[in-house]
Amino acid sequence: MFNFLKCLLPGSRSSSQDKSKKKTQHDESLTSWVIDNGEEHEPVYTIRDRHLGKLHKAVWYGHLDKVKKLLPKQDPNTLDKCHRTPLHLACCKGYVSIVQELLALNVQTSVGDKEYKTPLMKAVECGHADVVEILLSHGVDGDIRLDGGDTPLHLAIKYHHTPIIIALLKAGVNPNIINKEGKTPLHYAILKHDLDITAILLKNKANVNEIDNNQRTALMVAAYYGLDRIINLLLMNGAKIAAKDAEGFSASDHAKAKDHKACYMLLKKEEFREENDEDSIGSPHGIRNNVKRKDRKVPPDTSSGIPSGTFPSKSANMGPTKTTTENLTNTEDEESDWDRGPVAPAPPIPKSEENKETEKSKEVVDLKSPVQVLLEAEIEKNRALQREMDAQKQKALMEFNESNTLKRKIGDLESKLKYTESTLKRQTIQLADAQQNRDRFAQENDVHLISLQDQKEYLEKEVHILAKKNAALESDLHCEKAQVDMLEDLEHNNHRTLVQLKNNNARLIVELRLEKEKSTLLQQHLFEEQNVRYRLYDKLSEATLQLEDEMVVVPLNEESTRLNVVLRRLQWKLLEMWAPEED
């Protein structure tokens, strides 16, 4: 009713709108600092053989013998196209023996690949704890970070490699080292929702109140994600609740923005306890003196479903309550901590001032008239009535809350009962189906057994037939062996004949050479004889020419013509005989 009347008041609607605007602004500011908590990329390299040299390829495929042969010939610190050394590849694949061989040559361990990751970082990413221990034992820096990125401890937490985290911390790695975003390993462990790693870091002296670049602590991260178990662990290790980030938000503000009510209640209870511890300092018996009950907060009651309440005020109005604007505005003080934070307590009054006030009040009481005494008594009665009414009101409110919780629990139980009934029906149907399936399977098994027996008999027959065939094949094989022996004898004879033919061929070649020499001699003799013929032919031709000249000079008669004819015939015969043969 009060909330309804408050909405009718001027300015109340704008205040609710301002609250919603603040909440949306707070949500937007929160989303700007949360890191991507999705699936990590695959840490193993994607390799193409054409991009690797001989040494890199031997290391990648784990050929230790080839690596030992190539190391004296090649530089073990050579880089491939992706700026990776052989040690990068060996650490990525987890080859312990190859890593030891490379470290024995004092290779460089602080070289980064194209993603600015050293061999130690690749071994951490790929989860090879034995390789990490070997690298750390050889003096590799466990706190190294290139280009201001994550350290090996950050990467081990990112990929949930608990044995590697323990090995790094045993080697003396700084548990409070930060990356370029200012986040410590504890921030990363909470961002990964890992309670075990958080406990390991806190045992190894991790600073629970370390802040990042935006002044946010690990408790704020846990509150944002609603991790109540981690919040309890951080509070047990001294986490500061009152700390605020650069935008002025505390851990409870982060829990409230994401509607994590259980975490919000837990943080508010701890705040209330700390405030009471601070207020109890200075009072003799640990009780707050002269503080208005209106300003004291009740611890949140998680069982009733209401975030918090307030104690009734001592200075309440006498008589029946009236719904005035003054009372409505006072109800803002009775809002839950879910809408606003706790009110700062008033400082305790010194004891000397208390004694002075009590002495003054005694003097005033002595001077009062009987009428005033009666009025004060009436006022005290009214105040007692008012307190009783406030107590009854508080009790009724608690009962109302309890009834609401009971109704909610009853509704939950009814929904659970309906769900169990539906599940039981579904399970009975499934059981009936399973029974039918079992019967069907039994019948199928019987049929299958019969078919298997038939197959067994058939196979036995086949085995008998195959045995006969095997005996026949063995006899055939014996015959083939005999044939092979005959073929070997023939091959031997052929070899012998081939040797004889080669000898005959050599003898024929020698004879041919001799014949060739004879033919050359004959050709020379014929050439000489032909030269002789040429010379005789020339002489005969000269003699005939002389005879012709002489016959021209002498006068012709019958005898001379006869002689001339005879001479010409002799000449032609001689020409035919001694004429040189054409080539």
Foldseek 3Di string as FASTA:
>chain_A
DLVVVLVVDPPSVVVVVVLVVVLVVVVVVVVVPQDDLDDDDQLADDDDPVQDDPLLVCLLVVVPVSNVVCPVVDPQCDATPQRDGSLLNNLLVLPQVVNVVSVVVVYDQCGATNVNDTSLLNNLLNLNQVNNLVCLVSPDDQQDGPPQADGSLLNNLSNVNVSNNVSSVVSPHDQQDAGPQQDGSLLSNVSNVHPVVNVVSVVSPHDQCRATPQSDGSLLSCLLVLNQVVNVVSVVSPYDQPGATNVGDGSLSNNLSNVNLVNNLVSQLVVLVVLLVVQLPPDPVSDAPPWWQLQRWDRQDVLLVAGTFGQDTLPDDFDDDDPDPVVSVVCVSGHHCSSPHHDRTDHGDDPVVVVVVVVVVVVVVVPDDPVVVVVVVVVVVRSVVVNVVVVVVVVVVSVVSVVVSVVVVVVVVVVVVVVVVVVVVVVVVVVVVVVVVVVVVVVVVVVVVVVVVVVVVVVVVVVVVVVVVVVVVVVVVVVVVVVVVVVVVVVVVVVVVVVVVVVVVVVVVVVVVVVVVVVVVVVVVVVVVLVVLVVVLVVLVVVVVVVVVVLVVDDDDDVSVVVVVVVVVVSVVSCVVSPHDDD
